[in-house]
Amino acid sequence: MFARVRNAAARVEELATLDPTSGATTVLGTVGTLTSWSIEAAIDNDQDRLFVLGYDAAQRGHLYTLNSITGALLETVPLAAPLDVQTPGGLVLAGGRLYAFRGNLSTGTAIAS
C-alpha cells in the first residue's frame, strides 16, 4: 500500500509505503521535482511502475514515473496540456496503456488524452 507524504520543510512530495495494520509509513524517496501531487496515480504491477500527475515549483504539470518497489524516479515527462487532475479516475491504466482525462473548464466536457 502506498502513501503520499508531504515534506513541508523541503517543499517536496515523497512516496512511502503504508502499513495497513499499524498505519506506519516508510518513505521510499522524493518524487523528482514534484511539489504538488494531484489526487491521481495509477500503478502497473506487471512493470512495477507507479504513475503520478503533479506540478513542480513553477506550477508546470508533469507525469512522474516511479519504480513501485524502490520508489526510484524513472522518468519525468512535462505535460503538453493541462489535465483536470482533480477528477477521480482521471488517470487510468488499462490494457498496458496509460490514459489521462482533461476537462474543458468552460463547458465541463471531459476529453480523453
Protein backbone atom coordinates (compact mmCIF):
# COMPACT_ATOMS: atom_id res chain seq x y z
CA MET A 1 0.00 0.00 0.00
CA PHE A 2 1.33 3.43 -0.96
CA ALA A 3 1.02 6.83 0.65
CA ARG A 4 1.94 10.36 -0.28
CA VAL A 5 3.92 12.21 2.37
CA ARG A 6 4.29 15.99 2.25
CA ASN A 7 7.74 17.08 3.41
CA ALA A 8 6.87 20.69 4.22
CA ALA A 9 10.40 21.62 5.29
CA ALA A 10 11.88 20.55 1.95
CA ARG A 11 8.76 21.60 -0.05
CA VAL A 12 8.63 18.22 -1.83
CA GLU A 13 6.32 15.23 -2.03
CA GLU A 14 7.57 11.80 -1.02
CA LEU A 15 6.41 8.30 -1.88
CA ALA A 16 6.01 5.99 1.09
CA THR A 17 4.71 2.55 1.88
CA LEU A 18 1.85 2.39 4.37
CA ASP A 19 1.43 -0.48 6.80
CA PRO A 20 -2.34 -1.15 6.84
CA THR A 21 -2.15 -2.68 10.32
CA SER A 22 -0.12 -0.07 12.19
CA GLY A 23 -0.55 2.95 9.94
CA ALA A 24 3.23 3.44 9.92
CA THR A 25 4.78 4.99 6.82
CA THR A 26 8.22 4.30 5.40
CA VAL A 27 9.48 6.89 2.94
CA LEU A 28 10.88 5.35 -0.25
CA GLY A 29 12.05 8.56 -1.84
CA THR A 30 11.34 12.02 -3.18
CA VAL A 31 9.22 12.25 -6.32
CA GLY A 32 11.60 14.27 -8.53
CA THR A 33 10.68 17.93 -8.79
CA LEU A 34 7.12 17.26 -7.64
CA THR A 35 5.94 19.89 -5.16
CA SER A 36 2.17 19.48 -5.58
CA TRP A 37 0.76 15.98 -6.01
CA SER A 38 -2.65 15.71 -7.66
CA ILE A 39 -5.08 13.10 -6.40
CA GLU A 40 -4.26 10.98 -9.45
CA ALA A 41 -1.98 7.96 -9.58
CA ALA A 42 -2.03 4.64 -11.43
CA ILE A 43 0.03 1.52 -10.80
CA ASP A 44 1.31 -1.03 -13.32
CA ASN A 45 2.00 -4.14 -11.24
CA ASP A 46 3.32 -6.04 -14.27
CA GLN A 47 6.11 -3.49 -14.84
CA ASP A 48 6.49 -2.35 -11.17
CA ARG A 49 5.72 1.26 -12.16
CA LEU A 50 3.71 3.96 -10.44
CA PHE A 51 2.47 6.93 -12.47
CA VAL A 52 1.72 10.22 -10.73
CA LEU A 53 0.37 13.53 -12.07
CA GLY A 54 1.50 16.69 -10.37
CA TYR A 55 3.20 20.05 -10.56
CA ASP A 56 6.70 21.37 -9.97
CA ALA A 57 7.50 24.58 -8.05
CA ALA A 58 6.78 26.70 -11.16
CA GLN A 59 3.32 25.05 -11.42
CA ARG A 60 4.25 23.19 -14.62
CA GLY A 61 2.44 19.86 -14.93
CA HIS A 62 4.37 16.61 -15.26
CA LEU A 63 3.80 12.89 -15.40
CA TYR A 64 6.20 11.23 -12.97
CA THR A 65 7.04 7.52 -13.35
CA LEU A 66 8.48 5.73 -10.34
CA ASN A 67 9.59 2.20 -9.58
CA SER A 68 6.76 0.95 -7.37
CA ILE A 69 9.10 -1.33 -5.39
CA THR A 70 12.01 1.01 -4.63
CA GLY A 71 10.42 4.43 -5.11
CA ALA A 72 13.19 5.42 -7.54
CA LEU A 73 12.20 8.08 -10.05
CA LEU A 74 12.37 6.55 -13.54
CA GLU A 75 11.13 9.38 -15.74
CA THR A 76 9.60 12.86 -15.67
CA VAL A 77 7.58 13.97 -18.69
CA PRO A 78 6.27 17.54 -18.99
CA LEU A 79 2.58 17.76 -19.86
CA ALA A 80 1.75 19.31 -23.23
CA ALA A 81 -1.65 20.48 -21.96
CA PRO A 82 -3.13 20.97 -18.51
CA LEU A 83 -5.05 17.99 -17.21
CA ASP A 84 -8.04 18.00 -14.91
CA VAL A 85 -6.04 16.12 -12.30
CA GLN A 86 -8.56 16.75 -9.53
CA THR A 87 -11.15 14.44 -11.10
CA PRO A 88 -11.20 10.93 -9.59
CA GLY A 89 -10.47 8.41 -12.33
CA GLY A 90 -8.60 11.00 -14.38
CA LEU A 91 -5.55 8.71 -14.70
CA VAL A 92 -6.24 5.10 -15.68
CA LEU A 93 -4.00 2.21 -16.72
CA ALA A 94 -5.84 -0.26 -18.97
CA GLY A 95 -4.53 -2.84 -21.39
CA GLY A 96 -0.95 -1.68 -20.84
CA ARG A 97 -1.79 1.90 -21.86
CA LEU A 98 -1.98 4.93 -19.62
CA TYR A 99 -4.97 7.22 -20.15
CA ALA A 100 -5.47 10.71 -18.73
CA PHE A 101 -8.52 12.92 -18.90
CA ARG A 102 -8.62 16.65 -19.18
CA GLY A 103 -11.68 18.82 -18.98
CA ASN A 104 -12.89 21.87 -20.81
CA LEU A 105 -13.48 24.14 -17.82
CA SER A 106 -15.85 26.41 -19.72
CA THR A 107 -18.17 23.60 -20.82
CA GLY A 108 -17.44 20.88 -18.26
CA THR A 109 -16.75 18.42 -21.09
CA ALA A 110 -14.23 15.64 -20.44
CA ILE A 111 -11.63 14.97 -23.14
CA ALA A 112 -9.60 11.74 -23.24
CA SER A 113 -5.87 12.13 -23.86
